[in-house]
N, C-alpha and C. Protein backbone atom coordinates (compact mmCIF):
# COMPACT_ATOMS: atom_id res chain seq x y z
N MET A 1 -34.01 91.76 30.98
CA MET A 1 -32.96 90.76 31.00
C MET A 1 -31.66 91.43 30.55
N LYS A 2 -30.58 91.15 31.25
CA LYS A 2 -29.28 91.70 30.90
C LYS A 2 -28.75 91.04 29.63
N LEU A 3 -27.85 91.73 28.98
CA LEU A 3 -27.28 91.21 27.73
C LEU A 3 -26.61 89.86 27.96
N SER A 4 -25.85 89.72 29.03
CA SER A 4 -25.17 88.45 29.29
C SER A 4 -26.17 87.32 29.51
N GLU A 5 -27.28 87.63 30.18
CA GLU A 5 -28.32 86.61 30.40
C GLU A 5 -28.97 86.23 29.08
N GLU A 6 -29.19 87.21 28.22
CA GLU A 6 -29.79 86.93 26.91
C GLU A 6 -28.87 86.04 26.08
N LYS A 7 -27.58 86.32 26.13
CA LYS A 7 -26.62 85.51 25.37
C LYS A 7 -26.63 84.07 25.86
N ILE A 8 -26.62 83.88 27.17
CA ILE A 8 -26.65 82.53 27.73
C ILE A 8 -27.93 81.82 27.32
N ASP A 9 -29.05 82.52 27.37
CA ASP A 9 -30.33 81.94 26.98
C ASP A 9 -30.31 81.51 25.51
N ILE A 10 -29.77 82.35 24.66
CA ILE A 10 -29.68 82.03 23.23
C ILE A 10 -28.78 80.82 23.01
N ILE A 11 -27.64 80.80 23.67
CA ILE A 11 -26.70 79.68 23.52
C ILE A 11 -27.37 78.37 23.94
N GLN A 12 -28.08 78.39 25.06
CA GLN A 12 -28.77 77.18 25.53
C GLN A 12 -29.80 76.71 24.51
N LYS A 13 -30.54 77.64 23.95
CA LYS A 13 -31.56 77.27 22.96
C LYS A 13 -30.92 76.69 21.71
N VAL A 14 -29.79 77.25 21.28
CA VAL A 14 -29.11 76.74 20.09
C VAL A 14 -28.58 75.34 20.35
N ILE A 15 -28.03 75.11 21.53
CA ILE A 15 -27.51 73.79 21.88
C ILE A 15 -28.62 72.74 21.83
N GLU A 16 -29.81 73.12 22.25
CA GLU A 16 -30.93 72.17 22.31
C GLU A 16 -31.62 71.98 20.96
N LEU A 17 -31.31 72.81 19.98
CA LEU A 17 -31.97 72.72 18.67
C LEU A 17 -31.64 71.41 17.97
N GLU A 18 -32.66 70.80 17.41
CA GLU A 18 -32.49 69.57 16.63
C GLU A 18 -32.82 69.81 15.16
N ASN A 19 -33.43 70.93 14.87
CA ASN A 19 -33.87 71.25 13.52
C ASN A 19 -32.69 71.81 12.72
N GLU A 20 -32.25 71.03 11.75
CA GLU A 20 -31.08 71.42 10.96
C GLU A 20 -31.33 72.69 10.15
N GLU A 21 -32.55 72.87 9.67
CA GLU A 21 -32.88 74.06 8.89
C GLU A 21 -32.72 75.33 9.75
N LYS A 22 -33.20 75.28 10.98
CA LYS A 22 -33.06 76.43 11.87
C LYS A 22 -31.59 76.69 12.19
N LEU A 23 -30.83 75.63 12.40
CA LEU A 23 -29.40 75.79 12.67
C LEU A 23 -28.69 76.42 11.47
N ASP A 24 -29.08 76.01 10.27
CA ASP A 24 -28.49 76.60 9.06
C ASP A 24 -28.82 78.09 8.97
N ARG A 25 -30.06 78.46 9.31
CA ARG A 25 -30.45 79.87 9.26
C ARG A 25 -29.67 80.69 10.28
N ILE A 26 -29.48 80.12 11.47
CA ILE A 26 -28.69 80.82 12.50
C ILE A 26 -27.26 81.00 12.01
N HIS A 27 -26.71 79.97 11.42
CA HIS A 27 -25.34 80.04 10.89
C HIS A 27 -25.23 81.11 9.81
N GLU A 28 -26.22 81.18 8.93
CA GLU A 28 -26.23 82.20 7.87
C GLU A 28 -26.26 83.60 8.47
N LEU A 29 -27.11 83.81 9.46
CA LEU A 29 -27.19 85.12 10.11
C LEU A 29 -25.86 85.52 10.74
N LEU A 30 -25.24 84.58 11.42
CA LEU A 30 -23.96 84.88 12.06
C LEU A 30 -22.87 85.13 11.02
N SER A 31 -22.92 84.41 9.91
CA SER A 31 -21.93 84.61 8.85
C SER A 31 -22.11 85.98 8.20
N GLU A 32 -23.36 86.39 8.00
CA GLU A 32 -23.62 87.71 7.42
C GLU A 32 -23.09 88.80 8.33
N GLU A 33 -23.31 88.66 9.61
CA GLU A 33 -22.83 89.64 10.59
C GLU A 33 -21.30 89.69 10.57
N GLU A 34 -20.69 88.53 10.47
CA GLU A 34 -19.23 88.46 10.42
C GLU A 34 -18.70 89.16 9.18
N ASN A 35 -19.36 88.96 8.05
CA ASN A 35 -18.93 89.62 6.81
C ASN A 35 -19.02 91.13 6.93
N LEU A 36 -20.07 91.62 7.58
CA LEU A 36 -20.22 93.06 7.75
C LEU A 36 -19.12 93.62 8.64
N ASN A 37 -18.66 92.82 9.58
CA ASN A 37 -17.61 93.29 10.47
C ASN A 37 -16.26 93.39 9.76
N HIS A 38 -16.13 92.79 8.59
CA HIS A 38 -14.87 92.82 7.86
C HIS A 38 -14.76 94.01 6.92
N LEU A 39 -15.76 94.85 6.89
CA LEU A 39 -15.70 96.05 6.04
C LEU A 39 -14.68 97.02 6.63
N SER A 40 -13.97 97.68 5.75
CA SER A 40 -13.04 98.71 6.22
C SER A 40 -13.84 99.92 6.69
N GLU A 41 -13.18 100.79 7.42
CA GLU A 41 -13.86 101.98 7.92
C GLU A 41 -14.36 102.85 6.77
N SER A 42 -13.56 102.98 5.71
CA SER A 42 -13.99 103.80 4.57
C SER A 42 -15.18 103.16 3.86
N GLU A 43 -15.22 101.83 3.78
CA GLU A 43 -16.36 101.15 3.17
C GLU A 43 -17.62 101.38 4.00
N ARG A 44 -17.49 101.30 5.31
CA ARG A 44 -18.65 101.55 6.18
C ARG A 44 -19.15 102.98 6.02
N ARG A 45 -18.22 103.94 6.00
CA ARG A 45 -18.62 105.34 5.85
C ARG A 45 -19.32 105.56 4.52
N SER A 46 -18.80 104.94 3.46
CA SER A 46 -19.41 105.09 2.14
C SER A 46 -20.83 104.52 2.12
N ILE A 47 -21.00 103.36 2.71
CA ILE A 47 -22.32 102.74 2.76
C ILE A 47 -23.27 103.59 3.59
N GLU A 48 -22.79 104.05 4.74
CA GLU A 48 -23.64 104.89 5.60
C GLU A 48 -24.02 106.19 4.90
N ARG A 49 -23.06 106.79 4.18
CA ARG A 49 -23.34 108.03 3.46
C ARG A 49 -24.39 107.77 2.37
N GLY A 50 -24.25 106.66 1.66
CA GLY A 50 -25.21 106.32 0.62
C GLY A 50 -26.61 106.08 1.18
N LEU A 51 -26.69 105.39 2.31
CA LEU A 51 -27.98 105.16 2.94
C LEU A 51 -28.60 106.46 3.42
N LYS A 52 -27.77 107.34 3.97
CA LYS A 52 -28.27 108.64 4.42
C LYS A 52 -28.81 109.44 3.23
N ASP A 53 -28.05 109.43 2.12
CA ASP A 53 -28.51 110.13 0.92
C ASP A 53 -29.85 109.59 0.45
N LEU A 54 -30.00 108.26 0.46
CA LEU A 54 -31.27 107.66 0.05
C LEU A 54 -32.40 108.08 0.99
N ASP A 55 -32.12 108.05 2.29
CA ASP A 55 -33.14 108.45 3.27
C ASP A 55 -33.58 109.89 3.06
N GLU A 56 -32.65 110.73 2.64
CA GLU A 56 -32.95 112.15 2.44
C GLU A 56 -33.49 112.43 1.04
N GLY A 57 -33.65 111.38 0.24
CA GLY A 57 -34.23 111.54 -1.08
C GLY A 57 -33.26 112.03 -2.14
N ARG A 58 -31.98 112.03 -1.83
CA ARG A 58 -31.00 112.47 -2.83
C ARG A 58 -30.79 111.37 -3.86
N LYS A 59 -30.62 111.81 -5.10
CA LYS A 59 -30.38 110.86 -6.18
C LYS A 59 -29.21 111.37 -7.00
N ILE A 60 -28.50 110.43 -7.63
CA ILE A 60 -27.43 110.82 -8.54
C ILE A 60 -27.66 110.10 -9.86
N SER A 61 -27.10 110.65 -10.90
CA SER A 61 -27.25 110.03 -12.21
C SER A 61 -26.42 108.75 -12.27
N TYR A 62 -26.78 107.90 -13.22
CA TYR A 62 -26.03 106.67 -13.42
C TYR A 62 -24.58 106.97 -13.77
N GLN A 63 -24.36 108.00 -14.58
CA GLN A 63 -23.01 108.39 -14.98
C GLN A 63 -22.19 108.80 -13.76
N GLU A 64 -22.80 109.61 -12.88
CA GLU A 64 -22.09 110.03 -11.67
C GLU A 64 -21.82 108.83 -10.76
N PHE A 65 -22.76 107.91 -10.70
CA PHE A 65 -22.58 106.70 -9.92
C PHE A 65 -21.37 105.92 -10.42
N LYS A 66 -21.27 105.75 -11.75
CA LYS A 66 -20.13 105.02 -12.32
C LYS A 66 -18.81 105.71 -11.99
N GLN A 67 -18.79 107.05 -12.05
CA GLN A 67 -17.57 107.78 -11.73
C GLN A 67 -17.19 107.60 -10.26
N ARG A 68 -18.17 107.71 -9.39
CA ARG A 68 -17.90 107.53 -7.96
C ARG A 68 -17.42 106.12 -7.66
N LEU A 69 -18.04 105.15 -8.31
CA LEU A 69 -17.65 103.76 -8.11
C LEU A 69 -16.21 103.54 -8.56
N GLN A 70 -15.86 104.08 -9.71
CA GLN A 70 -14.50 103.95 -10.22
C GLN A 70 -13.50 104.60 -9.27
N GLN A 71 -13.84 105.78 -8.75
CA GLN A 71 -12.96 106.45 -7.80
C GLN A 71 -12.81 105.63 -6.53
N TRP A 72 -13.90 105.06 -6.07
CA TRP A 72 -13.87 104.28 -4.84
C TRP A 72 -13.01 103.02 -5.03
N ILE A 73 -13.14 102.39 -6.19
CA ILE A 73 -12.38 101.16 -6.46
C ILE A 73 -10.89 101.45 -6.52
N THR A 74 -10.53 102.57 -7.13
CA THR A 74 -9.11 102.87 -7.31
C THR A 74 -8.48 103.56 -6.10
N SER A 75 -9.28 103.94 -5.12
CA SER A 75 -8.70 104.61 -3.95
C SER A 75 -8.23 103.65 -2.90
């Protein structure tokens, strides 16, 4: 199925939904995605770098973490 067809299918299903709980969950998911899109490029790079470091098993001390956080906040 093409992306455009999938989007139309999803929209139709959402329109037909009567379950308020499911609609709330869909709204939450879309809001979370929207919040992620508001990250600056440097914030995204920092998060991606941190995730990569975790995947590779790298660790830093709490003290170093605090220093990096302070630098990031003030930059």
